[in-house]
Amino acid sequence: MAKTQKYVKGYENIPPELLAEYRKLADRADKRMLRLERLAKADPEFANVTDYAYKKAQEDAIKWGSKASAEKGARFAINPPKTAKEINAKMKDIRAFLDKPTSTKSGIVKSYKKRAEGLNKLLPKGEEKLTWQEYRKFFKDANAKNMDSRFGYRTLTKAFSMAKKLSKKAKEEKDKKVLNQILDARKGKEVKFTDNNVVNEALKALYKEG
């Protein structure tokens, strides 16, 4: 004898297995968003993890009727839409979030590493390479100051690589000339770190605004 499907009250036109799949998927996405929120609050190094996949997921959750508050973001696992077509459309948004690498901490780290490796390839042989941690912090700061639009990532990468070298000279090798150049740049004075005028301007901006 075939098993009779038990329809949910208010959703009599929706197959129960579709509702079950929706709720399972939404719950999984909401837990993942919660983990990102906690990570952003607990670890200053990952304060911007909500700028990536999470941000788009929030927009989608709000689009489907959820609300964000000061305590927590919007969530997918609220009352399901009333039609199978809408439920499938919402599940498509949820899956898009879950499939994005930046929806998890490990995926975000992998993304940082990949970008740092790509930028390091732009550097001349012998230049200081960026670690993924440096990439994350540096370009987060650069974006906040609109330096990426002023100089471009290639120039900023070269400037940051040179800044690492200069910092080592000033701190580890006690190079007073370099230290004075850095101090002058921080005061907004004219300094020449390199013959490359564009990189030199980026370096001065880094020190002045850093």
N, C-alpha and C. Protein backbone atom coordinates (compact mmCIF):
# COMPACT_ATOMS: atom_id res chain seq x y z
N MET A 1 0.84 -1.19 0.00
CA MET A 1 0.00 0.00 0.00
C MET A 1 0.88 1.25 0.00
N ALA A 2 0.56 2.19 -0.89
CA ALA A 2 1.35 3.42 -0.99
C ALA A 2 1.17 4.27 0.26
N LYS A 3 2.28 4.85 0.69
CA LYS A 3 2.26 5.70 1.88
C LYS A 3 1.60 7.03 1.56
N THR A 4 0.66 7.45 2.39
CA THR A 4 -0.05 8.71 2.18
C THR A 4 0.81 9.88 2.64
N GLN A 5 0.92 10.87 1.75
CA GLN A 5 1.71 12.06 2.10
C GLN A 5 0.92 12.92 3.09
N LYS A 6 1.59 13.44 4.10
CA LYS A 6 0.96 14.32 5.06
C LYS A 6 1.31 15.76 4.72
N TYR A 7 0.33 16.49 4.25
CA TYR A 7 0.55 17.88 3.85
C TYR A 7 0.53 18.80 5.07
N VAL A 8 1.33 19.84 5.00
CA VAL A 8 1.43 20.79 6.10
C VAL A 8 0.30 21.81 5.98
N LYS A 9 -0.32 22.14 7.10
CA LYS A 9 -1.43 23.10 7.10
C LYS A 9 -0.94 24.45 6.57
N GLY A 10 -1.68 24.98 5.63
CA GLY A 10 -1.32 26.24 5.00
C GLY A 10 -0.47 26.06 3.77
N TYR A 11 0.01 24.81 3.60
CA TYR A 11 0.86 24.50 2.44
C TYR A 11 0.36 23.24 1.74
N GLU A 12 -0.96 23.14 1.65
CA GLU A 12 -1.57 21.92 1.08
C GLU A 12 -1.18 21.70 -0.39
N ASN A 13 -0.81 22.77 -1.09
CA ASN A 13 -0.44 22.64 -2.50
C ASN A 13 1.05 22.38 -2.70
N ILE A 14 1.78 22.28 -1.60
CA ILE A 14 3.22 22.08 -1.68
C ILE A 14 3.57 20.65 -1.27
N PRO A 15 4.30 19.92 -2.09
CA PRO A 15 4.72 18.56 -1.70
C PRO A 15 5.52 18.60 -0.39
N PRO A 16 5.19 17.77 0.57
CA PRO A 16 5.88 17.78 1.87
C PRO A 16 7.39 17.61 1.75
N GLU A 17 7.84 16.79 0.78
CA GLU A 17 9.28 16.57 0.65
C GLU A 17 9.99 17.85 0.20
N LEU A 18 9.29 18.70 -0.57
CA LEU A 18 9.88 19.97 -0.99
C LEU A 18 10.03 20.90 0.20
N LEU A 19 9.01 20.95 1.06
CA LEU A 19 9.09 21.77 2.28
C LEU A 19 10.21 21.29 3.19
N ALA A 20 10.34 19.97 3.31
CA ALA A 20 11.39 19.40 4.17
C ALA A 20 12.77 19.77 3.62
N GLU A 21 12.93 19.68 2.31
CA GLU A 21 14.20 20.03 1.69
C GLU A 21 14.52 21.50 1.90
N TYR A 22 13.50 22.34 1.73
CA TYR A 22 13.67 23.79 1.93
C TYR A 22 14.13 24.10 3.36
N ARG A 23 13.45 23.51 4.33
CA ARG A 23 13.76 23.80 5.74
C ARG A 23 15.17 23.32 6.11
N LYS A 24 15.55 22.18 5.58
CA LYS A 24 16.89 21.65 5.84
C LYS A 24 17.96 22.57 5.25
N LEU A 25 17.72 23.03 4.03
CA LEU A 25 18.67 23.90 3.34
C LEU A 25 18.76 25.26 4.02
N ALA A 26 17.59 25.82 4.39
CA ALA A 26 17.56 27.14 5.04
C ALA A 26 18.25 27.10 6.39
N ASP A 27 18.02 26.01 7.13
CA ASP A 27 18.65 25.88 8.44
C ASP A 27 20.17 25.80 8.31
N ARG A 28 20.62 25.07 7.31
CA ARG A 28 22.07 24.95 7.06
C ARG A 28 22.69 26.31 6.73
N ALA A 29 22.00 27.07 5.88
CA ALA A 29 22.50 28.40 5.50
C ALA A 29 22.51 29.35 6.70
N ASP A 30 21.46 29.30 7.50
CA ASP A 30 21.38 30.21 8.66
C ASP A 30 22.48 29.92 9.68
N LYS A 31 22.78 28.65 9.87
CA LYS A 31 23.86 28.29 10.80
C LYS A 31 25.21 28.78 10.28
N ARG A 32 25.37 28.72 8.97
CA ARG A 32 26.62 29.19 8.37
C ARG A 32 26.74 30.71 8.50
N MET A 33 25.65 31.43 8.31
CA MET A 33 25.68 32.88 8.49
C MET A 33 25.98 33.25 9.94
N LEU A 34 25.40 32.49 10.86
CA LEU A 34 25.65 32.73 12.28
C LEU A 34 27.13 32.55 12.61
N ARG A 35 27.75 31.52 12.05
CA ARG A 35 29.18 31.28 12.29
C ARG A 35 30.03 32.44 11.76
N LEU A 36 29.64 32.99 10.62
CA LEU A 36 30.38 34.13 10.06
C LEU A 36 30.20 35.38 10.93
N GLU A 37 29.01 35.57 11.45
CA GLU A 37 28.75 36.72 12.34
C GLU A 37 29.61 36.61 13.60
N ARG A 38 29.66 35.41 14.17
CA ARG A 38 30.45 35.20 15.39
C ARG A 38 31.94 35.37 15.12
N LEU A 39 32.39 34.89 13.96
CA LEU A 39 33.79 35.02 13.59
C LEU A 39 34.17 36.49 13.44
N ALA A 40 33.31 37.26 12.81
CA ALA A 40 33.58 38.69 12.58
C ALA A 40 33.70 39.44 13.90
N LYS A 41 32.92 39.04 14.90
CA LYS A 41 32.95 39.70 16.21
C LYS A 41 34.09 39.21 17.08
N ALA A 42 34.44 37.94 16.94
CA ALA A 42 35.44 37.34 17.83
C ALA A 42 36.88 37.55 17.38
N ASP A 43 37.11 37.68 16.08
CA ASP A 43 38.48 37.75 15.56
C ASP A 43 38.65 39.01 14.70
N PRO A 44 39.39 40.00 15.19
CA PRO A 44 39.60 41.25 14.44
C PRO A 44 40.18 41.01 13.05
N GLU A 45 40.96 39.95 12.90
CA GLU A 45 41.57 39.66 11.60
C GLU A 45 40.53 39.22 10.57
N PHE A 46 39.35 38.82 11.05
CA PHE A 46 38.29 38.40 10.14
C PHE A 46 37.05 39.28 10.30
N ALA A 47 37.28 40.52 10.68
CA ALA A 47 36.16 41.44 10.92
C ALA A 47 35.35 41.72 9.66
N ASN A 48 35.97 41.52 8.50
CA ASN A 48 35.27 41.84 7.25
C ASN A 48 34.73 40.61 6.52
N VAL A 49 34.61 39.47 7.21
CA VAL A 49 34.12 38.27 6.52
C VAL A 49 32.67 38.42 6.07
N THR A 50 31.96 39.38 6.67
CA THR A 50 30.57 39.58 6.28
C THR A 50 30.45 40.47 5.04
N ASP A 51 31.58 40.81 4.43
CA ASP A 51 31.56 41.64 3.21
C ASP A 51 31.41 40.80 1.95
N TYR A 52 31.51 39.49 2.06
CA TYR A 52 31.57 38.66 0.87
C TYR A 52 30.25 37.92 0.62
N ALA A 53 30.27 36.60 0.63
CA ALA A 53 29.07 35.82 0.35
C ALA A 53 27.94 36.17 1.33
N TYR A 54 28.32 36.42 2.57
CA TYR A 54 27.34 36.76 3.61
C TYR A 54 26.51 37.98 3.22
N LYS A 55 27.16 38.97 2.68
CA LYS A 55 26.48 40.23 2.32
C LYS A 55 25.37 39.99 1.30
N LYS A 56 25.68 39.21 0.26
CA LYS A 56 24.67 38.89 -0.75
C LYS A 56 23.56 38.03 -0.16
N ALA A 57 23.91 37.10 0.73
CA ALA A 57 22.91 36.24 1.37
C ALA A 57 21.95 37.08 2.21
N GLN A 58 22.48 38.10 2.87
CA GLN A 58 21.62 38.99 3.65
C GLN A 58 20.63 39.72 2.74
N GLU A 59 21.12 40.19 1.62
CA GLU A 59 20.24 40.88 0.67
C GLU A 59 19.13 39.95 0.19
N ASP A 60 19.48 38.70 -0.08
CA ASP A 60 18.50 37.72 -0.56
C ASP A 60 17.50 37.37 0.54
N ALA A 61 17.98 37.19 1.77
CA ALA A 61 17.09 36.83 2.88
C ALA A 61 16.08 37.96 3.13
N ILE A 62 16.55 39.19 3.06
CA ILE A 62 15.66 40.34 3.25
C ILE A 62 14.65 40.43 2.11
N LYS A 63 15.12 40.12 0.90
CA LYS A 63 14.23 40.10 -0.27
C LYS A 63 13.06 39.14 -0.05
N TRP A 64 13.35 38.03 0.67
CA TRP A 64 12.32 37.02 0.93
C TRP A 64 11.53 37.28 2.20
N GLY A 65 11.68 38.47 2.78
CA GLY A 65 10.82 38.85 3.90
C GLY A 65 11.43 38.83 5.28
N SER A 66 12.70 38.41 5.39
CA SER A 66 13.35 38.40 6.70
C SER A 66 13.81 39.81 7.07
N LYS A 67 14.11 40.01 8.34
CA LYS A 67 14.59 41.31 8.80
C LYS A 67 15.87 41.13 9.62
N ALA A 68 16.80 42.07 9.44
CA ALA A 68 18.03 42.06 10.24
C ALA A 68 17.85 42.97 11.45
N SER A 69 18.62 42.69 12.49
CA SER A 69 18.57 43.53 13.69
C SER A 69 20.00 43.80 14.15
N ALA A 70 20.14 44.58 15.21
CA ALA A 70 21.47 44.88 15.73
C ALA A 70 22.12 43.64 16.31
N GLU A 71 21.29 42.69 16.76
CA GLU A 71 21.80 41.48 17.40
C GLU A 71 22.19 40.40 16.37
N LYS A 72 21.44 40.33 15.30
CA LYS A 72 21.73 39.29 14.31
C LYS A 72 21.25 39.73 12.93
N GLY A 73 21.80 39.04 11.91
CA GLY A 73 21.42 39.36 10.54
C GLY A 73 20.11 38.71 10.15
N ALA A 74 19.69 38.95 8.91
CA ALA A 74 18.48 38.33 8.38
C ALA A 74 18.72 36.82 8.23
N ARG A 75 17.64 36.06 8.20
CA ARG A 75 17.74 34.61 8.11
C ARG A 75 16.83 34.07 7.01
N PHE A 76 17.22 32.92 6.47
CA PHE A 76 16.42 32.27 5.43
C PHE A 76 15.29 31.43 6.02
N ALA A 77 15.52 30.84 7.20
CA ALA A 77 14.57 29.88 7.77
C ALA A 77 13.38 30.55 8.45
N ILE A 78 12.65 31.37 7.70
CA ILE A 78 11.39 31.91 8.18
C ILE A 78 10.30 31.15 7.43
N ASN A 79 9.05 31.56 7.57
CA ASN A 79 7.96 30.83 6.90
C ASN A 79 8.24 30.69 5.41
N PRO A 80 8.10 29.49 4.88
CA PRO A 80 8.36 29.27 3.45
C PRO A 80 7.38 30.05 2.57
N PRO A 81 7.78 30.36 1.35
CA PRO A 81 6.84 30.98 0.40
C PRO A 81 5.64 30.06 0.20
N LYS A 82 4.56 30.59 -0.37
CA LYS A 82 3.31 29.84 -0.47
C LYS A 82 3.18 29.00 -1.74
N THR A 83 4.11 29.15 -2.68
CA THR A 83 4.01 28.35 -3.90
C THR A 83 5.30 27.56 -4.11
N ALA A 84 5.19 26.45 -4.81
CA ALA A 84 6.36 25.60 -5.09
C ALA A 84 7.37 26.37 -5.94
N LYS A 85 6.87 27.20 -6.85
CA LYS A 85 7.76 27.98 -7.71
C LYS A 85 8.62 28.94 -6.88
N GLU A 86 7.99 29.61 -5.92
CA GLU A 86 8.73 30.55 -5.07
C GLU A 86 9.69 29.83 -4.13
N ILE A 87 9.28 28.67 -3.62
CA ILE A 87 10.17 27.90 -2.74
C ILE A 87 11.42 27.48 -3.51
N ASN A 88 11.23 27.03 -4.74
CA ASN A 88 12.39 26.64 -5.56
C ASN A 88 13.29 27.83 -5.86
N ALA A 89 12.68 28.98 -6.09
CA ALA A 89 13.46 30.19 -6.36
C ALA A 89 14.27 30.60 -5.13
N LYS A 90 13.65 30.48 -3.95
CA LYS A 90 14.36 30.82 -2.72
C LYS A 90 15.48 29.83 -2.45
N MET A 91 15.22 28.55 -2.71
CA MET A 91 16.26 27.55 -2.50
C MET A 91 17.44 27.79 -3.45
N LYS A 92 17.16 28.33 -4.61
CA LYS A 92 18.23 28.66 -5.56
C LYS A 92 19.14 29.73 -4.96
N ASP A 93 18.55 30.73 -4.30
CA ASP A 93 19.34 31.77 -3.63
C ASP A 93 20.15 31.19 -2.48
N ILE A 94 19.53 30.29 -1.74
CA ILE A 94 20.22 29.68 -0.59
C ILE A 94 21.41 28.85 -1.07
N ARG A 95 21.19 28.05 -2.10
CA ARG A 95 22.28 27.23 -2.63
C ARG A 95 23.42 28.09 -3.18
N ALA A 96 23.05 29.23 -3.77
CA ALA A 96 24.08 30.13 -4.30
C ALA A 96 25.00 30.59 -3.18
N PHE A 97 24.44 30.85 -2.00
CA PHE A 97 25.24 31.25 -0.84
C PHE A 97 26.10 30.09 -0.36
N LEU A 98 25.49 28.93 -0.20
CA LEU A 98 26.21 27.76 0.32
C LEU A 98 27.33 27.31 -0.62
N ASP A 99 27.17 27.56 -1.92
CA ASP A 99 28.17 27.13 -2.90
C ASP A 99 29.35 28.10 -3.01
N LYS A 100 29.22 29.28 -2.44
CA LYS A 100 30.30 30.26 -2.56
C LYS A 100 31.43 29.94 -1.57
N PRO A 101 32.68 29.95 -2.03
CA PRO A 101 33.82 29.66 -1.14
C PRO A 101 33.87 30.60 0.07
N THR A 102 33.46 31.86 -0.13
CA THR A 102 33.56 32.83 0.96
C THR A 102 32.40 32.74 1.96
N SER A 103 31.64 31.65 1.90
CA SER A 103 30.59 31.45 2.90
C SER A 103 31.12 30.71 4.12
N THR A 104 32.40 30.31 4.10
CA THR A 104 33.03 29.66 5.24
C THR A 104 34.40 30.29 5.51
N LYS A 105 34.88 30.13 6.72
CA LYS A 105 36.20 30.67 7.08
C LYS A 105 37.30 30.04 6.23
N SER A 106 37.26 28.72 6.08
CA SER A 106 38.29 28.04 5.30
C SER A 106 38.26 28.50 3.84
N GLY A 107 37.06 28.72 3.32
CA GLY A 107 36.94 29.19 1.94
C GLY A 107 37.47 30.59 1.77
N ILE A 108 37.26 31.43 2.77
CA ILE A 108 37.76 32.81 2.72
C ILE A 108 39.28 32.81 2.76
N VAL A 109 39.86 31.99 3.63
CA VAL A 109 41.32 31.90 3.72
C VAL A 109 41.90 31.42 2.39
N LYS A 110 41.27 30.41 1.80
CA LYS A 110 41.73 29.89 0.51
C LYS A 110 41.66 30.97 -0.57
N SER A 111 40.61 31.79 -0.52
CA SER A 111 40.45 32.87 -1.49
C SER A 111 41.55 33.92 -1.31
N TYR A 112 41.85 34.26 -0.05
CA TYR A 112 42.93 35.21 0.23
C TYR A 112 44.27 34.69 -0.30
N LYS A 113 44.51 33.40 -0.04
CA LYS A 113 45.77 32.80 -0.46
C LYS A 113 45.91 32.83 -1.99
N LYS A 114 44.82 32.51 -2.67
CA LYS A 114 44.83 32.49 -4.12
C LYS A 114 45.11 33.88 -4.68
N ARG A 115 44.48 34.90 -4.10
CA ARG A 115 44.69 36.27 -4.57
C ARG A 115 46.09 36.76 -4.27
N ALA A 116 46.59 36.41 -3.08
CA ALA A 116 47.96 36.82 -2.73
C ALA A 116 48.97 36.19 -3.68
N GLU A 117 48.76 34.91 -3.99
CA GLU A 117 49.67 34.22 -4.93
C GLU A 117 49.63 34.87 -6.31
N GLY A 118 48.42 35.27 -6.73
CA GLY A 118 48.28 35.92 -8.03
C GLY A 118 48.99 37.26 -8.08
N LEU A 119 48.87 38.02 -7.02
CA LEU A 119 49.53 39.33 -6.98
C LEU A 119 51.04 39.19 -6.84
N ASN A 120 51.48 38.18 -6.11
CA ASN A 120 52.92 37.97 -5.95
C ASN A 120 53.60 37.68 -7.28
N LYS A 121 52.84 37.10 -8.21
CA LYS A 121 53.40 36.80 -9.54
C LYS A 121 53.69 38.08 -10.32
N LEU A 122 53.05 39.17 -9.91
CA LEU A 122 53.26 40.45 -10.60
C LEU A 122 54.55 41.13 -10.16
N LEU A 123 55.09 40.65 -9.03
CA LEU A 123 56.28 41.30 -8.47
C LEU A 123 57.56 40.85 -9.17
N PRO A 124 58.49 41.76 -9.34
CA PRO A 124 59.80 41.39 -9.92
C PRO A 124 60.51 40.40 -9.02
N LYS A 125 61.40 39.62 -9.58
CA LYS A 125 62.15 38.63 -8.81
C LYS A 125 62.94 39.32 -7.71
N GLY A 126 62.88 38.75 -6.51
CA GLY A 126 63.62 39.31 -5.39
C GLY A 126 62.81 40.24 -4.51
N GLU A 127 61.61 40.63 -4.98
CA GLU A 127 60.77 41.52 -4.17
C GLU A 127 60.10 40.74 -3.04
N GLU A 128 59.76 41.46 -1.98
CA GLU A 128 59.09 40.84 -0.83
C GLU A 128 57.70 40.36 -1.23
N LYS A 129 57.40 39.12 -0.92
CA LYS A 129 56.10 38.56 -1.26
C LYS A 129 55.09 38.86 -0.15
N LEU A 130 53.81 38.87 -0.52
CA LEU A 130 52.75 39.07 0.45
C LEU A 130 52.26 37.73 0.98
N THR A 131 52.08 37.64 2.29
CA THR A 131 51.41 36.48 2.86
C THR A 131 49.91 36.73 2.70
N TRP A 132 49.11 35.69 2.85
CA TRP A 132 47.67 35.90 2.69
C TRP A 132 47.14 36.79 3.80
N GLN A 133 47.75 36.73 5.00
CA GLN A 133 47.31 37.60 6.09
C GLN A 133 47.59 39.07 5.76
N GLU A 134 48.76 39.32 5.17
CA GLU A 134 49.11 40.68 4.79
C GLU A 134 48.21 41.17 3.66
N TYR A 135 47.93 40.26 2.73
CA TYR A 135 47.03 40.62 1.63
C TYR A 135 45.69 41.07 2.19
N ARG A 136 45.13 40.25 3.10
CA ARG A 136 43.82 40.55 3.67
C ARG A 136 43.79 41.91 4.36
N LYS A 137 44.77 42.14 5.24
CA LYS A 137 44.78 43.40 6.00
C LYS A 137 45.09 44.60 5.12
N PHE A 138 46.10 44.44 4.28
CA PHE A 138 46.53 45.57 3.46
C PHE A 138 45.46 46.02 2.49
N PHE A 139 44.87 45.08 1.77
CA PHE A 139 43.89 45.48 0.77
C PHE A 139 42.54 45.86 1.38
N LYS A 140 42.28 45.38 2.59
CA LYS A 140 41.09 45.85 3.30
C LYS A 140 41.27 47.34 3.62
N ASP A 141 42.47 47.68 4.12
CA ASP A 141 42.77 49.09 4.43
C ASP A 141 42.81 49.94 3.16
N ALA A 142 43.41 49.38 2.11
CA ALA A 142 43.52 50.13 0.85
C ALA A 142 42.14 50.42 0.27
N ASN A 143 41.25 49.44 0.36
CA ASN A 143 39.89 49.64 -0.15
C ASN A 143 39.18 50.72 0.65
N ALA A 144 39.37 50.69 1.97
CA ALA A 144 38.70 51.66 2.84
C ALA A 144 39.16 53.08 2.52
N LYS A 145 40.39 53.22 2.05
CA LYS A 145 40.92 54.55 1.75
C LYS A 145 40.83 54.89 0.26
N ASN A 146 40.16 54.02 -0.51
CA ASN A 146 40.03 54.22 -1.96
C ASN A 146 41.37 54.26 -2.68
N MET A 147 42.38 53.65 -2.08
CA MET A 147 43.70 53.64 -2.71
C MET A 147 43.74 52.72 -3.92
N ASP A 148 42.86 51.70 -3.92
CA ASP A 148 42.85 50.79 -5.06
C ASP A 148 42.41 51.50 -6.33
N SER A 149 41.45 52.42 -6.21
CA SER A 149 40.99 53.15 -7.38
C SER A 149 41.99 54.21 -7.82
N ARG A 150 42.81 54.67 -6.89
CA ARG A 150 43.81 55.70 -7.21
C ARG A 150 45.05 55.12 -7.88
N PHE A 151 45.46 53.94 -7.43
CA PHE A 151 46.72 53.39 -7.91
C PHE A 151 46.60 52.05 -8.65
N GLY A 152 45.59 51.27 -8.33
CA GLY A 152 45.47 49.93 -8.94
C GLY A 152 46.24 48.91 -8.12
N TYR A 153 45.77 47.66 -8.17
CA TYR A 153 46.36 46.61 -7.34
C TYR A 153 47.81 46.29 -7.70
N ARG A 154 48.16 46.36 -8.97
CA ARG A 154 49.54 46.05 -9.36
C ARG A 154 50.51 47.03 -8.70
N THR A 155 50.20 48.32 -8.78
CA THR A 155 51.07 49.34 -8.17
C THR A 155 51.07 49.21 -6.65
N LEU A 156 49.89 48.98 -6.07
CA LEU A 156 49.81 48.85 -4.61
C LEU A 156 50.60 47.65 -4.11
N THR A 157 50.56 46.56 -4.87
CA THR A 157 51.32 45.37 -4.48
C THR A 157 52.82 45.66 -4.48
N LYS A 158 53.29 46.33 -5.51
CA LYS A 158 54.70 46.71 -5.57
C LYS A 158 55.06 47.65 -4.43
N ALA A 159 54.18 48.60 -4.16
CA ALA A 159 54.43 49.57 -3.08
C ALA A 159 54.49 48.87 -1.73
N PHE A 160 53.57 47.94 -1.50
CA PHE A 160 53.55 47.24 -0.23
C PHE A 160 54.77 46.35 -0.07
N SER A 161 55.18 45.70 -1.17
CA SER A 161 56.38 44.87 -1.15
C SER A 161 57.59 45.71 -0.77
N MET A 162 57.69 46.91 -1.35
CA MET A 162 58.80 47.80 -1.04
C MET A 162 58.71 48.30 0.40
N ALA A 163 57.48 48.55 0.86
CA ALA A 163 57.29 49.01 2.24
C ALA A 163 57.78 47.97 3.24
N LYS A 164 57.59 46.68 2.91
CA LYS A 164 58.07 45.60 3.78
C LYS A 164 59.60 45.64 3.88
N LYS A 165 60.24 45.87 2.74
CA LYS A 165 61.71 45.96 2.72
C LYS A 165 62.19 47.14 3.53
N LEU A 166 61.54 48.29 3.34
CA LEU A 166 61.93 49.50 4.05
C LEU A 166 61.73 49.34 5.55
N SER A 167 60.66 48.68 5.93
CA SER A 167 60.38 48.45 7.35
C SER A 167 61.46 47.59 7.98
N LYS A 168 61.91 46.55 7.25
CA LYS A 168 62.98 45.70 7.77
C LYS A 168 64.27 46.49 7.95
N LYS A 169 64.56 47.34 6.96
CA LYS A 169 65.78 48.16 7.05
C LYS A 169 65.72 49.09 8.25
N ALA A 170 64.56 49.70 8.46
CA ALA A 170 64.41 50.67 9.54
C ALA A 170 64.42 50.01 10.92
N LYS A 171 63.73 48.87 11.04
CA LYS A 171 63.57 48.24 12.35
C LYS A 171 64.68 47.23 12.67
N GLU A 172 64.95 46.33 11.73
CA GLU A 172 65.90 45.26 12.00
C GLU A 172 67.34 45.67 11.75
N GLU A 173 67.55 46.47 10.70
CA GLU A 173 68.92 46.87 10.37
C GLU A 173 69.27 48.25 10.93
N LYS A 174 68.30 48.87 11.60
CA LYS A 174 68.52 50.18 12.24
C LYS A 174 69.05 51.22 11.25
N ASP A 175 68.48 51.21 10.05
CA ASP A 175 68.89 52.17 9.02
C ASP A 175 68.19 53.50 9.30
N LYS A 176 68.96 54.46 9.80
CA LYS A 176 68.39 55.75 10.21
C LYS A 176 67.88 56.56 9.03
N LYS A 177 68.56 56.45 7.89
CA LYS A 177 68.14 57.19 6.71
C LYS A 177 66.75 56.76 6.27
N VAL A 178 66.55 55.46 6.21
CA VAL A 178 65.25 54.92 5.82
C VAL A 178 64.19 55.28 6.84
N LEU A 179 64.55 55.18 8.12
CA LEU A 179 63.60 55.52 9.18
C LEU A 179 63.15 56.97 9.06
N ASN A 180 64.11 57.87 8.80
CA ASN A 180 63.77 59.29 8.66
C ASN A 180 62.89 59.54 7.44
N GLN A 181 63.13 58.77 6.36
CA GLN A 181 62.29 58.90 5.17
C GLN A 181 60.85 58.50 5.48
N ILE A 182 60.71 57.41 6.21
CA ILE A 182 59.37 56.94 6.58
C ILE A 182 58.66 57.96 7.46
N LEU A 183 59.39 58.50 8.43
CA LEU A 183 58.82 59.49 9.34
C LEU A 183 58.41 60.75 8.58
N ASP A 184 59.24 61.16 7.62
CA ASP A 184 58.92 62.34 6.81
C ASP A 184 57.67 62.09 5.96
N ALA A 185 57.57 60.88 5.40
CA ALA A 185 56.41 60.54 4.57
C ALA A 185 55.13 60.56 5.41
N ARG A 186 55.23 60.12 6.65
CA ARG A 186 54.07 60.13 7.54
C ARG A 186 53.61 61.54 7.87
N LYS A 187 54.55 62.48 7.82
CA LYS A 187 54.22 63.88 8.07
C LYS A 187 53.77 64.60 6.81
N GLY A 188 53.76 63.87 5.69
CA GLY A 188 53.31 64.47 4.45
C GLY A 188 54.39 65.20 3.68
N LYS A 189 55.65 65.01 4.08
CA LYS A 189 56.75 65.68 3.40
C LYS A 189 57.11 64.96 2.11
N GLU A 190 57.79 65.66 1.21
CA GLU A 190 58.20 65.07 -0.06
C GLU A 190 59.37 64.11 0.17
N VAL A 191 59.20 62.86 -0.25
CA VAL A 191 60.22 61.83 -0.05
C VAL A 191 60.34 61.02 -1.34
N LYS A 192 61.57 60.61 -1.66
CA LYS A 192 61.77 59.78 -2.85
C LYS A 192 62.31 58.43 -2.42
N PHE A 193 61.43 57.42 -2.45
CA PHE A 193 61.82 56.06 -2.09
C PHE A 193 62.35 55.30 -3.31
N THR A 194 61.80 55.65 -4.48
CA THR A 194 62.14 54.93 -5.71
C THR A 194 62.02 55.85 -6.92
N ASP A 195 62.69 55.48 -8.01
CA ASP A 195 62.62 56.28 -9.23
C ASP A 195 61.29 56.08 -9.97
N ASN A 196 60.55 55.03 -9.60
CA ASN A 196 59.23 54.80 -10.18
C ASN A 196 58.25 55.77 -9.52
N ASN A 197 57.88 56.81 -10.24
CA ASN A 197 57.06 57.88 -9.65
C ASN A 197 55.70 57.41 -9.14
N VAL A 198 55.07 56.50 -9.89
CA VAL A 198 53.75 56.01 -9.48
C VAL A 198 53.84 55.20 -8.20
N VAL A 199 54.82 54.29 -8.14
CA VAL A 199 55.02 53.48 -6.93
C VAL A 199 55.43 54.38 -5.76
N ASN A 200 56.24 55.38 -6.05
CA ASN A 200 56.68 56.31 -5.01
C ASN A 200 55.47 57.05 -4.40
N GLU A 201 54.55 57.48 -5.26
CA GLU A 201 53.35 58.17 -4.78
C GLU A 201 52.49 57.23 -3.93
N ALA A 202 52.40 55.98 -4.36
CA ALA A 202 51.62 54.99 -3.59
C ALA A 202 52.26 54.74 -2.23
N LEU A 203 53.59 54.67 -2.21
CA LEU A 203 54.31 54.48 -0.95
C LEU A 203 54.06 55.64 0.01
N LYS A 204 54.16 56.84 -0.52
CA LYS A 204 53.92 58.02 0.33
C LYS A 204 52.50 58.01 0.89
N ALA A 205 51.55 57.61 0.04
CA ALA A 205 50.17 57.53 0.48
C ALA A 205 49.99 56.47 1.57
N LEU A 206 50.70 55.36 1.39
CA LEU A 206 50.63 54.28 2.40
C LEU A 206 51.09 54.78 3.76
N TYR A 207 52.21 55.47 3.77
CA TYR A 207 52.75 55.95 5.04
C TYR A 207 51.94 57.09 5.60
N LYS A 208 51.49 57.97 4.73
CA LYS A 208 50.73 59.13 5.19
C LYS A 208 49.37 58.73 5.73
N GLU A 209 48.74 57.76 5.07
CA GLU A 209 47.39 57.38 5.43
C GLU A 209 47.34 56.07 6.23
N GLY A 210 48.49 55.44 6.41
CA GLY A 210 48.52 54.14 7.08
C GLY A 210 48.54 54.27 8.59
